[in-house]
Protein backbone atom coordinates (compact mmCIF):
# COMPACT_ATOMS: atom_id res chain seq x y z
CA MET A 1 19.62 89.39 -110.47
CA ASN A 2 16.92 91.24 -108.60
CA THR A 3 15.72 88.51 -106.23
CA PRO A 4 16.91 85.11 -105.03
CA THR A 5 14.11 83.54 -107.08
CA ASP A 6 15.45 85.32 -110.19
CA THR A 7 18.88 83.80 -109.50
CA LEU A 8 17.44 80.31 -109.12
CA ASN A 9 15.26 80.65 -112.21
CA ARG A 10 18.33 81.73 -114.16
CA TYR A 11 20.32 78.79 -112.75
CA PHE A 12 17.77 76.26 -113.99
CA SER A 13 17.29 78.00 -117.33
CA LEU A 14 21.05 78.08 -117.93
CA SER A 15 21.31 74.43 -116.87
CA ASN A 16 19.37 73.61 -120.03
CA THR A 17 21.85 75.36 -122.34
CA ALA A 18 25.23 75.68 -120.59
CA GLY A 19 26.45 72.33 -121.92
CA GLN A 20 26.30 73.60 -125.50
CA ASN A 21 26.92 77.32 -125.05
CA GLU A 22 30.15 78.69 -123.52
CA GLN A 23 28.59 82.07 -122.66
CA ASP A 24 25.74 80.34 -120.81
CA PHE A 25 28.26 78.11 -119.03
CA THR A 26 30.20 81.17 -117.85
CA GLU A 27 27.00 82.89 -116.71
CA LEU A 28 25.94 79.76 -114.81
CA ILE A 29 29.25 79.65 -112.92
CA GLU A 30 28.96 83.38 -112.13
CA LEU A 31 25.72 82.70 -110.22
CA PHE A 32 27.87 81.13 -107.48
CA ALA A 33 29.75 83.01 -104.76
CA PRO A 34 33.56 82.52 -104.87
CA ASP A 35 33.53 80.27 -101.78
CA ALA A 36 30.29 78.41 -102.58
CA THR A 37 29.78 74.72 -101.88
CA LEU A 38 27.90 72.32 -104.17
CA THR A 39 26.90 68.79 -103.19
CA SER A 40 25.57 66.71 -106.08
CA GLY A 41 22.90 64.05 -106.00
CA ARG A 42 25.73 61.52 -106.38
CA GLY A 43 27.40 62.79 -103.21
CA GLU A 44 30.18 64.66 -105.03
CA THR A 45 31.23 67.88 -103.30
CA ALA A 46 32.77 70.93 -104.96
CA LYS A 47 33.96 73.83 -102.77
CA GLY A 48 35.03 77.10 -104.34
CA ILE A 49 34.33 78.53 -107.76
CA ASP A 50 37.16 76.64 -109.52
CA LYS A 51 35.93 73.25 -108.26
CA ILE A 52 32.33 74.18 -109.13
CA HIS A 53 33.51 75.09 -112.65
CA ASP A 54 35.22 71.69 -112.93
CA PHE A 55 32.15 69.89 -111.57
CA PHE A 56 29.85 71.44 -114.17
CA HIS A 57 32.36 70.85 -116.97
CA THR A 58 32.26 67.13 -116.14
CA PHE A 59 28.48 67.17 -115.55
CA PHE A 60 27.74 68.66 -118.98
CA ALA A 61 30.18 66.29 -120.68
CA ARG A 62 28.21 63.42 -119.10
CA ASN A 63 24.76 64.94 -119.80
CA THR A 64 24.64 66.45 -123.28
CA GLU A 65 20.99 67.51 -123.46
CA LEU A 66 18.80 68.68 -120.56
CA HIS A 67 15.28 70.06 -120.17
CA HIS A 68 14.25 71.22 -116.67
CA VAL A 69 10.97 72.30 -115.11
CA TRP A 70 10.94 73.60 -111.53
CA ASN A 71 9.10 75.32 -108.68
CA THR A 72 10.86 77.43 -106.04
CA ARG A 73 9.83 77.62 -102.37
CA ARG A 74 11.24 80.06 -99.83
CA ILE A 75 12.35 78.39 -96.58
CA ASP A 76 13.65 81.52 -94.82
CA SER A 77 15.32 84.84 -95.70
CA THR A 78 18.36 83.22 -97.37
CA GLN A 79 17.36 79.60 -97.99
CA TYR A 80 15.20 78.20 -100.78
CA ALA A 81 14.09 74.77 -101.96
CA VAL A 82 13.59 74.08 -105.64
CA ASP A 83 11.57 71.03 -106.67
CA TRP A 84 12.57 70.00 -110.18
CA ALA A 85 12.22 67.42 -112.91
CA VAL A 86 14.64 66.94 -115.77
CA ALA A 87 14.54 64.93 -118.97
CA GLY A 88 17.82 64.48 -120.73
CA ARG A 89 20.21 62.54 -122.89
CA SER A 90 23.54 61.22 -121.67
CA ALA A 91 26.75 61.37 -123.69
CA ALA A 92 26.22 57.65 -124.39
CA GLY A 93 22.83 58.46 -125.95
CA LYS A 94 20.70 57.12 -123.09
CA VAL A 95 17.46 59.05 -122.49
CA PHE A 96 16.56 59.63 -118.84
CA ALA A 97 14.11 61.46 -116.56
CA ILE A 98 14.60 62.19 -112.86
CA THR A 99 13.13 64.40 -110.15
CA GLY A 100 14.67 66.02 -107.12
CA THR A 101 14.95 68.96 -104.77
CA ASP A 102 17.78 71.47 -104.56
CA THR A 103 18.24 73.23 -101.24
CA THR A 104 20.07 76.51 -101.74
CA THR A 105 21.41 79.38 -99.68
CA LEU A 106 22.08 82.77 -101.27
CA ASP A 107 24.13 85.73 -100.06
CA GLY A 108 23.21 89.42 -99.98
CA ASP A 109 24.30 89.75 -103.62
CA LYS A 110 21.83 86.97 -104.56
CA ARG A 111 24.67 84.58 -105.41
CA ILE A 112 24.45 80.90 -104.51
CA THR A 113 26.62 80.09 -101.48
CA SER A 114 25.36 76.55 -100.96
CA LEU A 115 23.60 74.12 -103.29
CA GLN A 116 22.65 70.63 -102.16
CA VAL A 117 21.01 68.34 -104.70
CA GLN A 118 18.71 65.54 -103.57
CA VAL A 119 17.53 63.11 -106.24
CA HIS A 120 14.19 61.41 -105.47
């Protein structure tokens, strides 16, 4: 990735496909630093790449189809906010739409070190 915005754009793009495509799932996980922390909109916390892998495995099992749109805002040199909307289908077949903001911190290699999801 060339810029933090590129990383975040890739994250959201892969979030649309990683539930059905193993290569995209692997690439999504690789966007995170080994010691990254993720806090979901449900308050779940995953620390470290293995726990983040497990979190997304469960997330994509629960949400089988996703379509995101997003805008990224720079907060400072390492922190960004991403306003997003997603329409999706749950594993039970329920159709849903939600909005939120992800606050992210990236390291010098443009990998995500912290991701906090806030659902509106």
